[in-house]
C-alpha atoms as a PDB file:
ATOM      1  CA  MET A   1     130.122  70.308  84.498  1.00  0.00           C
ATOM      2  CA  ARG A   2     128.393  70.850  81.443  1.00  0.00           C
ATOM      3  CA  ALA A   3     125.066  70.064  81.316  1.00  0.00           C
ATOM      4  CA  TYR A   4     125.503  67.601  77.898  1.00  0.00           C
ATOM      5  CA  HIS A   5     127.249  65.792  80.114  1.00  0.00           C
ATOM      6  CA  GLY A   6     124.056  65.004  82.341  1.00  0.00           C
ATOM      7  CA  THR A   7     123.428  62.072  79.950  1.00  0.00           C
ATOM      8  CA  ARG A   8     126.601  60.533  80.367  1.00  0.00           C
ATOM      9  CA  LEU A   9     126.966  60.779  84.280  1.00  0.00           C
ATOM     10  CA  THR A  10     124.479  59.304  85.543  1.00  0.00           C
ATOM     11  CA  ASP A  11     124.651  56.779  89.010  1.00  0.00           C
ATOM     12  CA  PRO A  12     120.922  55.948  90.280  1.00  0.00           C
ATOM     13  CA  ASP A  13     122.348  56.043  94.031  1.00  0.00           C
ATOM     14  CA  ILE A  14     123.768  59.893  93.939  1.00  0.00           C
ATOM     15  CA  ALA A  15     120.778  60.883  91.582  1.00  0.00           C
ATOM     16  CA  SER A  16     118.081  59.484  94.179  1.00  0.00           C
ATOM     17  CA  ALA A  17     120.161  61.007  97.179  1.00  0.00           C
ATOM     18  CA  ALA A  18     120.008  64.130  95.220  1.00  0.00           C
ATOM     19  CA  LEU A  19     116.632  64.182  94.766  1.00  0.00           C
ATOM     20  CA  VAL A  20     115.448  63.357  98.189  1.00  0.00           C
ATOM     21  CA  ALA A  21     117.678  66.525  99.219  1.00  0.00           C
ATOM     22  CA  PHE A  22     116.649  68.753  96.620  1.00  0.00           C
ATOM     23  CA  LYS A  23     115.085  71.736  98.137  1.00  0.00           C
ATOM     24  CA  PRO A  24     114.005  74.591  95.697  1.00  0.00           C
ATOM     25  CA  ALA A  25     115.681  77.847  96.112  1.00  0.00           C
ATOM     26  CA  VAL A  26     111.769  79.437  96.009  1.00  0.00           C
ATOM     27  CA  PRO A  27     109.633  77.266  97.613  1.00  0.00           C
ATOM     28  CA  VAL A  28     106.139  78.041  95.996  1.00  0.00           C
ATOM     29  CA  THR A  29     102.699  76.774  97.889  1.00  0.00           C
ATOM     30  CA  VAL A  30      99.435  77.431  96.346  1.00  0.00           C
ATOM     31  CA  GLU A  31      98.902  80.044  98.630  1.00  0.00           C
ATOM     32  CA  GLY A  32     102.285  81.631  97.630  1.00  0.00           C
ATOM     33  CA  ALA A  33     101.452  81.584  94.012  1.00  0.00           C
ATOM     34  CA  ALA A  34      97.864  83.039  94.794  1.00  0.00           C
ATOM     35  CA  PHE A  35      99.601  86.276  96.890  1.00  0.00           C
ATOM     36  CA  ALA A  36     102.081  86.746  94.003  1.00  0.00           C
ATOM     37  CA  PHE A  37      99.358  86.884  91.262  1.00  0.00           C
ATOM     38  CA  VAL A  38      97.643  89.085  92.727  1.00  0.00           C
ATOM     39  CA  GLY A  39     100.131  91.049  93.794  1.00  0.00           C
ATOM     40  CA  PHE A  40     101.270  91.354  90.470  1.00  0.00           C
ATOM     41  CA  GLY A  41      97.543  92.238  89.184  1.00  0.00           C
ATOM     42  CA  LEU A  42      97.523  95.105  91.656  1.00  0.00           C
ATOM     43  CA  GLY A  43     101.118  96.718  91.058  1.00  0.00           C
ATOM     44  CA  ALA A  44     100.296  96.577  87.569  1.00  0.00           C
ATOM     45  CA  ALA A  45      96.624  98.702  88.158  1.00  0.00           C
ATOM     46  CA  ALA A  46      98.394 101.026  90.521  1.00  0.00           C
ATOM     47  CA  ILE A  47     101.393 101.726  88.051  1.00  0.00           C
ATOM     48  CA  ARG A  48      98.280 102.144  85.012  1.00  0.00           C
ATOM     49  CA  ALA A  49      96.238 104.436  86.936  1.00  0.00           C
ATOM     50  CA  VAL A  50      99.789 106.139  87.859  1.00  0.00           C
ATOM     51  CA  LEU A  51     100.220 107.018  84.002  1.00  0.00           C
ATOM     52  CA  MET A  52      96.674 107.754  83.078  1.00  0.00           C
ATOM     53  CA  LEU A  53      96.631 110.416  85.505  1.00  0.00           C
ATOM     54  CA  LEU A  54      99.804 112.209  83.959  1.00  0.00           C
ATOM     55  CA  HIS A  55      98.217 111.813  80.824  1.00  0.00           C
ATOM     56  CA  LEU A  56      95.256 113.543  81.566  1.00  0.00           C
ATOM     57  CA  LEU A  57      97.071 115.970  83.311  1.00  0.00           C
ATOM     58  CA  ARG A  58      99.064 116.768  80.674  1.00  0.00           C
ATOM     59  CA  ARG A  59      96.392 116.809  78.202  1.00  0.00           C
ATOM     60  CA  ARG A  60      94.583 119.105  80.305  1.00  0.00           C
ATOM     61  CA  ARG A  61      97.350 121.610  80.140  1.00  0.00           C
ATOM     62  CA  ARG A  62      97.269 121.653  76.439  1.00  0.00           C
ATOM     63  CA  LEU A  63      93.517 122.617  76.223  1.00  0.00           C
ATOM     64  CA  ILE A  64      94.258 125.184  78.359  1.00  0.00           C
END
């Protein structure tokens, strides 16, 4: 079934039962979203720190 058939194939009983039984594949809570945001920020900062360190080491070798 394709998504464009969604407007043509409607049944209120099935739709309401599906909505009641629906559980998202990745349940996101406020706490989970906060942990993901903080983890993303810390990971990005760690990658940036490693890249800056490599850049400084490379630059230092050129000056010597």
